[in-house]
Amino acid sequence: MPLLLARTDEHFNVRELSGDKAYLSRTNLHAIAGVGARGFIPFKSNSVARSGHHRRDLLWERAFHYFNLKRAEFLDHYHKRSNIETTFAMVKSKFGHAVRSKSPAAQINEVLLKFVAHNICCLIQSAFEMGVDPLTMAATEHTSPATKLAGNHGF
């Protein structure tokens, strides 16, 4: 996770990072803090603020106490990851789990295309559910001034 986070931080301003309990480690918490972000990783049931065999780690202790003493606030941040998990599940169920392309560049493009197609499907579904006719809407609301002017003169 630290390597992936460092590479992500080269292109994006990472402010929050949520992960499941598998990502809970002092190394990961320090990597998250190292890029100036806040980590939202739940603690395991057997986690403690400070144990005898570990030297004192203030970052670990702060995260542990925040998780335990401000649980509702923590969960508000943590559950944002549910949105992406849901999106991943929807894309996989609609387009399959496998990536069939051979080269790394083609694999990235294939996955990105799956998400573009997913977004288009969501827009179409929303239009039907809300009773919106996208063609009518485009013709009436997004007519350019030049087109309106030409229409007024019979062109």
Protein backbone atom coordinates (compact mmCIF):
# COMPACT_ATOMS: atom_id res chain seq x y z
CA MET A 1 0.00 0.00 0.00
CA PRO A 2 2.74 2.59 0.70
CA LEU A 3 4.13 2.26 -2.85
CA LEU A 4 0.69 2.55 -4.46
CA LEU A 5 -0.12 5.54 -2.27
CA ALA A 6 3.16 7.26 -3.15
CA ARG A 7 2.53 6.75 -6.88
CA THR A 8 -1.04 8.02 -6.52
CA ASP A 9 0.18 11.08 -4.61
CA GLU A 10 2.38 12.02 -7.58
CA HIS A 11 -0.73 12.79 -9.66
CA PHE A 12 -3.48 13.47 -7.12
CA ASN A 13 -3.87 15.41 -3.90
CA VAL A 14 -4.76 12.56 -1.54
CA ARG A 15 -6.71 13.90 1.43
CA GLU A 16 -8.38 10.75 2.77
CA LEU A 17 -7.74 7.07 2.41
CA SER A 18 -10.19 4.42 3.55
CA GLY A 19 -9.38 0.76 3.70
CA ASP A 20 -10.64 -2.36 5.37
CA LYS A 21 -9.00 -3.99 8.39
CA ALA A 22 -6.52 -5.85 6.20
CA TYR A 23 -4.72 -2.52 5.65
CA LEU A 24 -4.32 -1.78 9.36
CA SER A 25 -0.62 -1.46 10.14
CA ARG A 26 1.71 1.14 11.57
CA THR A 27 3.56 1.25 8.24
CA ASN A 28 0.38 2.04 6.32
CA LEU A 29 -0.77 4.68 8.82
CA HIS A 30 2.61 6.41 8.56
CA ALA A 31 2.52 6.25 4.74
CA ILE A 32 -0.92 7.89 4.75
CA ALA A 33 0.24 10.63 7.13
CA GLY A 34 3.40 11.02 5.03
CA VAL A 35 1.39 12.28 2.05
CA GLY A 36 -0.63 14.60 4.29
CA ALA A 37 -3.80 12.51 4.23
CA ARG A 38 -6.06 11.13 6.94
CA GLY A 39 -6.49 7.39 7.20
CA PHE A 40 -9.81 5.73 7.93
CA ILE A 41 -8.97 2.10 8.58
CA PRO A 42 -10.97 0.34 11.30
CA PHE A 43 -9.10 -1.31 14.12
CA LYS A 44 -9.37 -5.02 14.77
CA SER A 45 -11.11 -6.28 17.90
CA ASN A 46 -7.77 -7.29 19.44
CA SER A 47 -6.02 -3.96 18.69
CA VAL A 48 -4.78 -1.91 21.61
CA ALA A 49 -3.57 1.67 21.92
CA ARG A 50 -0.13 0.60 23.12
CA SER A 51 1.19 -2.82 23.86
CA GLY A 52 4.28 -3.78 25.84
CA HIS A 53 6.23 -5.23 22.91
CA HIS A 54 5.84 -2.15 20.66
CA ARG A 55 7.51 1.18 21.27
CA ARG A 56 5.13 4.10 21.64
CA ASP A 57 3.66 5.26 18.35
CA LEU A 58 1.71 8.51 18.71
CA LEU A 59 0.13 8.24 15.24
CA TRP A 60 -1.16 4.73 16.02
CA GLU A 61 -2.48 5.87 19.41
CA ARG A 62 -4.22 8.94 17.92
CA ALA A 63 -5.87 6.82 15.21
CA PHE A 64 -6.88 4.16 17.75
CA HIS A 65 -8.49 6.71 20.08
CA TYR A 66 -10.23 8.53 17.23
CA PHE A 67 -11.67 5.21 16.04
CA ASN A 68 -12.92 4.32 19.53
CA LEU A 69 -13.98 7.71 20.90
CA LYS A 70 -15.44 9.31 17.76
CA ARG A 71 -16.85 6.21 16.10
CA ALA A 72 -19.77 7.92 14.34
CA GLU A 73 -17.49 10.58 12.81
CA PHE A 74 -15.00 7.88 11.79
CA LEU A 75 -17.73 5.79 10.15
CA ASP A 76 -19.04 8.79 8.19
CA HIS A 77 -15.65 8.99 6.47
CA TYR A 78 -15.04 5.25 6.29
CA HIS A 79 -18.35 4.42 4.63
CA LYS A 80 -17.63 6.68 1.66
CA ARG A 81 -15.70 3.70 0.36
CA SER A 82 -19.01 1.84 0.08
CA ASN A 83 -19.77 3.94 -3.01
CA ILE A 84 -16.71 2.70 -4.89
CA GLU A 85 -17.21 -0.88 -3.70
CA THR A 86 -20.76 -0.74 -5.05
CA THR A 87 -19.54 0.70 -8.35
CA PHE A 88 -16.89 -2.03 -8.71
CA ALA A 89 -19.55 -4.68 -8.05
CA MET A 90 -21.91 -3.14 -10.61
CA VAL A 91 -19.19 -2.95 -13.29
CA LYS A 92 -18.09 -6.54 -12.64
CA SER A 93 -21.64 -7.88 -12.72
CA LYS A 94 -22.44 -5.99 -15.93
CA PHE A 95 -19.21 -6.54 -17.88
CA GLY A 96 -17.57 -9.51 -16.17
CA HIS A 97 -14.66 -9.94 -13.78
CA ALA A 98 -12.03 -10.73 -16.38
CA VAL A 99 -9.83 -8.32 -18.30
CA ARG A 100 -9.12 -9.91 -21.68
CA SER A 101 -6.53 -7.54 -23.11
CA LYS A 102 -2.91 -8.69 -23.20
CA SER A 103 -0.74 -5.59 -22.91
CA PRO A 104 -0.77 -3.45 -19.74
CA ALA A 105 -1.84 -0.33 -21.68
CA ALA A 106 -4.71 -2.19 -23.33
CA GLN A 107 -5.76 -3.63 -19.96
CA ILE A 108 -5.94 -0.15 -18.44
CA ASN A 109 -7.94 1.11 -21.43
CA GLU A 110 -10.30 -1.87 -21.20
CA VAL A 111 -11.03 -1.22 -17.53
CA LEU A 112 -11.48 2.52 -18.12
CA LEU A 113 -13.85 1.78 -20.99
CA LYS A 114 -15.91 -0.48 -18.72
CA PHE A 115 -16.37 2.45 -16.34
CA VAL A 116 -17.29 4.85 -19.16
CA ALA A 117 -19.86 2.33 -20.42
CA HIS A 118 -21.16 1.89 -16.86
CA ASN A 119 -21.62 5.66 -16.51
CA ILE A 120 -23.49 5.81 -19.82
CA CYS A 121 -25.78 2.98 -18.67
CA CYS A 122 -26.46 4.90 -15.43
CA LEU A 123 -27.37 8.03 -17.39
CA ILE A 124 -29.73 6.09 -19.65
CA GLN A 125 -31.37 4.36 -16.70
CA SER A 126 -31.78 7.68 -14.87
CA ALA A 127 -33.35 9.29 -17.95
CA PHE A 128 -35.94 6.50 -18.15
CA GLU A 129 -36.65 6.49 -14.41
CA MET A 130 -37.07 10.28 -14.29
CA GLY A 131 -39.04 10.47 -17.53
CA VAL A 132 -36.48 12.70 -19.22
CA ASP A 133 -36.26 12.74 -23.01
CA PRO A 134 -32.60 13.61 -23.60
CA LEU A 135 -33.20 14.51 -27.27
CA THR A 136 -35.96 16.97 -26.48
CA MET A 137 -33.97 18.43 -23.61
CA ALA A 138 -30.89 18.89 -25.78
CA ALA A 139 -32.90 20.58 -28.54
CA THR A 140 -34.68 23.05 -26.26
CA GLU A 141 -32.23 23.84 -23.47
CA HIS A 142 -28.91 23.71 -25.25
CA THR A 143 -29.67 25.47 -28.52
CA SER A 144 -26.87 27.84 -29.41
CA PRO A 145 -27.60 31.55 -29.95
CA ALA A 146 -26.55 31.19 -33.62
CA THR A 147 -29.09 28.41 -34.15
CA LYS A 148 -31.82 30.46 -32.48
CA LEU A 149 -30.95 33.46 -34.65
CA ALA A 150 -31.03 31.38 -37.84
CA GLY A 151 -34.37 29.94 -36.80
CA ASN A 152 -35.86 33.40 -36.45
CA HIS A 153 -34.94 34.27 -40.04
CA GLY A 154 -36.28 31.15 -41.70
CA PHE A 155 -32.92 29.53 -42.39
